[in-house]
Amino acid sequence: MIKLATLCYVKRGGKTLMMHRVKRSTDIHYGKWNGLGGKLLPGETPEECVIREVREESGLRLKRPELKGFLTFPGFDGEDDWYVFVFVARQFTGRRGACNEGNLSWIPDSKLKALPLWEGDRIFMKWLTGRKFFSGKFVYKKFHFTSHQVCFYSA
């Protein structure tokens, strides 16, 4: 089965809004830090999804999120292939609220790699600052990172 999702790194003043996934012990991301996002609803564009998901998870209303890349995670959860549209957002309004999926924190960009992230995230997060669009494939077996490949495209 295929799952379509978005992932957004909201940026402000040298910090990134991250979610520490610690509220549900059954969460496959439990204990990890992630950007915000979630699954696309039927008929929804990736842009509509990322705006909705960030609003639902944080209370922030994104303006002009920038699509930076596309990631493929074959069989990530042991069954489904996940296809993820990756965004960066620097413009938003509203106040950060509570999240029922995890704890939200503004993390200095210089400290992001020290967080307990998925191993592949440490690789693709450095591509977020580039000008080229990326398309990557990240392979995990039983939630352990095994390999990746990437292509970069000029705008």
Protein backbone atom coordinates (compact mmCIF):
# COMPACT_ATOMS: atom_id res chain seq x y z
CA MET A 1 0.00 0.00 0.00
CA ILE A 2 1.10 3.58 -0.65
CA LYS A 3 0.92 6.37 1.92
CA LEU A 4 1.25 10.01 0.81
CA ALA A 5 2.42 12.52 3.39
CA THR A 6 4.02 15.89 3.98
CA LEU A 7 6.88 16.94 6.23
CA CYS A 8 7.58 20.57 7.07
CA TYR A 9 10.48 22.32 8.73
CA VAL A 10 9.17 25.65 10.04
CA LYS A 11 12.08 28.10 10.43
CA ARG A 12 12.44 31.31 12.43
CA GLY A 13 15.51 33.23 13.56
CA GLY A 14 18.02 30.39 13.19
CA LYS A 15 15.68 27.87 14.84
CA THR A 16 13.44 25.09 13.56
CA LEU A 17 10.12 24.05 15.08
CA MET A 18 10.42 20.35 15.89
CA MET A 19 8.11 17.80 17.48
CA HIS A 20 9.36 15.32 20.08
CA ARG A 21 7.10 12.31 19.53
CA VAL A 22 6.54 11.15 23.12
CA LYS A 23 2.78 11.21 23.65
CA ARG A 24 1.79 7.79 22.23
CA SER A 25 3.96 4.76 22.98
CA THR A 26 2.49 2.98 19.93
CA ASP A 27 3.74 5.73 17.57
CA ILE A 28 6.39 4.33 15.16
CA HIS A 29 8.21 7.64 15.66
CA TYR A 30 8.07 7.36 19.47
CA GLY A 31 11.07 9.07 21.09
CA LYS A 32 12.21 10.67 17.82
CA TRP A 33 12.19 14.34 16.87
CA ASN A 34 10.49 15.21 13.58
CA GLY A 35 9.33 18.15 11.58
CA LEU A 36 5.57 18.68 11.36
CA GLY A 37 3.23 17.13 8.83
CA GLY A 38 1.06 14.16 8.10
CA LYS A 39 -1.00 12.21 5.61
CA LEU A 40 -2.75 13.74 2.62
CA LEU A 41 -6.52 13.56 2.64
CA PRO A 42 -8.37 12.49 -0.55
CA GLY A 43 -8.38 15.32 -3.10
CA GLU A 44 -5.86 17.39 -1.14
CA THR A 45 -2.74 18.86 -2.74
CA PRO A 46 0.59 18.55 -0.89
CA GLU A 47 0.46 22.33 -0.23
CA GLU A 48 -3.05 22.12 1.22
CA CYS A 49 -1.99 19.16 3.35
CA VAL A 50 1.13 20.77 4.80
CA ILE A 51 -0.75 23.98 5.64
CA ARG A 52 -3.56 22.00 7.32
CA GLU A 53 -1.24 19.65 9.20
CA VAL A 54 1.01 22.41 10.54
CA ARG A 55 -2.07 24.37 11.67
CA GLU A 56 -3.56 21.27 13.37
CA GLU A 57 -0.29 20.32 15.07
CA SER A 58 1.00 23.75 16.06
CA GLY A 59 -1.66 26.43 15.59
CA LEU A 60 0.57 28.23 13.07
CA ARG A 61 -0.81 29.29 9.70
CA LEU A 62 1.79 28.88 6.98
CA LYS A 63 2.19 31.35 4.15
CA ARG A 64 3.89 30.10 1.00
CA PRO A 65 5.57 26.89 2.17
CA GLU A 66 8.43 26.01 -0.17
CA LEU A 67 8.56 22.49 -1.64
CA LYS A 68 12.18 21.39 -1.33
CA GLY A 69 12.06 17.71 -2.14
CA PHE A 70 10.33 14.38 -2.40
CA LEU A 71 11.28 11.30 -0.37
CA THR A 72 10.46 7.64 -0.85
CA PHE A 73 10.55 5.23 2.09
CA PRO A 74 9.87 1.70 0.74
CA GLY A 75 8.18 -0.52 3.31
CA PHE A 76 9.02 1.94 6.08
CA ASP A 77 6.52 0.61 8.60
CA GLY A 78 7.09 -2.99 7.52
CA GLU A 79 4.16 -2.90 5.11
CA ASP A 80 3.56 0.40 3.35
CA ASP A 81 5.65 2.54 1.03
CA TRP A 82 5.65 6.15 2.22
CA TYR A 83 6.02 9.02 -0.27
CA VAL A 84 6.72 12.33 1.45
CA PHE A 85 6.66 15.90 0.11
CA VAL A 86 9.24 17.90 2.09
CA PHE A 87 8.67 21.61 2.72
CA VAL A 88 10.40 24.51 4.44
CA ALA A 89 8.26 27.37 5.75
CA ARG A 90 9.65 30.71 6.83
CA GLN A 91 6.45 32.75 6.73
CA PHE A 92 3.60 32.10 9.12
CA THR A 93 1.16 33.76 11.49
CA GLY A 94 -0.45 32.72 14.74
CA ARG A 95 0.77 31.47 18.07
CA ARG A 96 2.14 28.04 18.78
CA GLY A 97 -0.30 25.90 20.71
CA ALA A 98 -0.22 22.45 22.28
CA CYS A 99 0.05 19.33 20.15
CA ASN A 100 -1.57 15.98 20.91
CA GLU A 101 1.11 14.03 18.99
CA GLY A 102 4.22 15.34 20.73
CA ASN A 103 5.95 18.25 22.42
CA LEU A 104 6.85 21.21 20.20
CA SER A 105 10.08 23.16 20.65
CA TRP A 106 12.05 25.74 18.70
CA ILE A 107 15.48 24.09 18.34
CA PRO A 108 18.57 26.08 17.30
CA ASP A 109 19.60 24.86 13.85
CA SER A 110 23.11 24.19 15.16
CA LYS A 111 21.67 21.61 17.60
CA LEU A 112 19.31 19.73 15.27
CA LYS A 113 21.73 16.91 14.44
CA ALA A 114 22.26 16.20 18.16
CA LEU A 115 18.58 15.26 18.58
CA PRO A 116 17.42 11.64 18.41
CA LEU A 117 16.37 11.80 14.74
CA TRP A 118 15.81 9.06 12.21
CA GLU A 119 19.25 8.41 10.73
CA GLY A 120 18.12 9.33 7.22
CA ASP A 121 16.83 12.70 8.46
CA ARG A 122 20.40 13.69 9.33
CA ILE A 123 21.25 13.20 5.65
CA PHE A 124 18.38 14.99 3.90
CA MET A 125 18.01 17.87 6.38
CA LYS A 126 21.24 19.38 5.06
CA TRP A 127 19.64 19.53 1.60
CA LEU A 128 16.90 21.88 2.86
CA THR A 129 19.20 24.89 2.54
CA GLY A 130 20.16 24.18 -1.06
CA ARG A 131 18.60 25.69 -4.14
CA LYS A 132 18.14 22.39 -5.95
CA PHE A 133 15.06 20.19 -5.63
CA PHE A 134 15.89 16.73 -4.32
CA SER A 135 14.32 13.34 -4.83
CA GLY A 136 15.60 10.71 -2.46
CA LYS A 137 15.01 7.12 -1.50
CA PHE A 138 15.71 6.05 2.08
CA VAL A 139 15.60 2.37 2.94
CA TYR A 140 14.94 1.11 6.45
CA LYS A 141 14.67 -2.54 7.46
CA LYS A 142 12.87 -3.11 10.75
CA PHE A 143 13.32 0.63 11.46
CA HIS A 144 17.09 0.48 10.95
CA PHE A 145 18.55 2.66 8.20
CA THR A 146 20.30 0.63 5.49
CA SER A 147 20.84 2.89 2.45
CA HIS A 148 19.84 5.94 0.47
CA GLN A 149 20.13 7.46 -2.98
CA VAL A 150 19.33 10.93 -4.24
CA CYS A 151 18.98 13.02 -7.39
CA PHE A 152 19.13 16.82 -7.46
CA TYR A 153 17.29 18.97 -10.00
CA SER A 154 17.82 22.61 -10.95
CA ALA A 155 14.85 24.92 -10.65
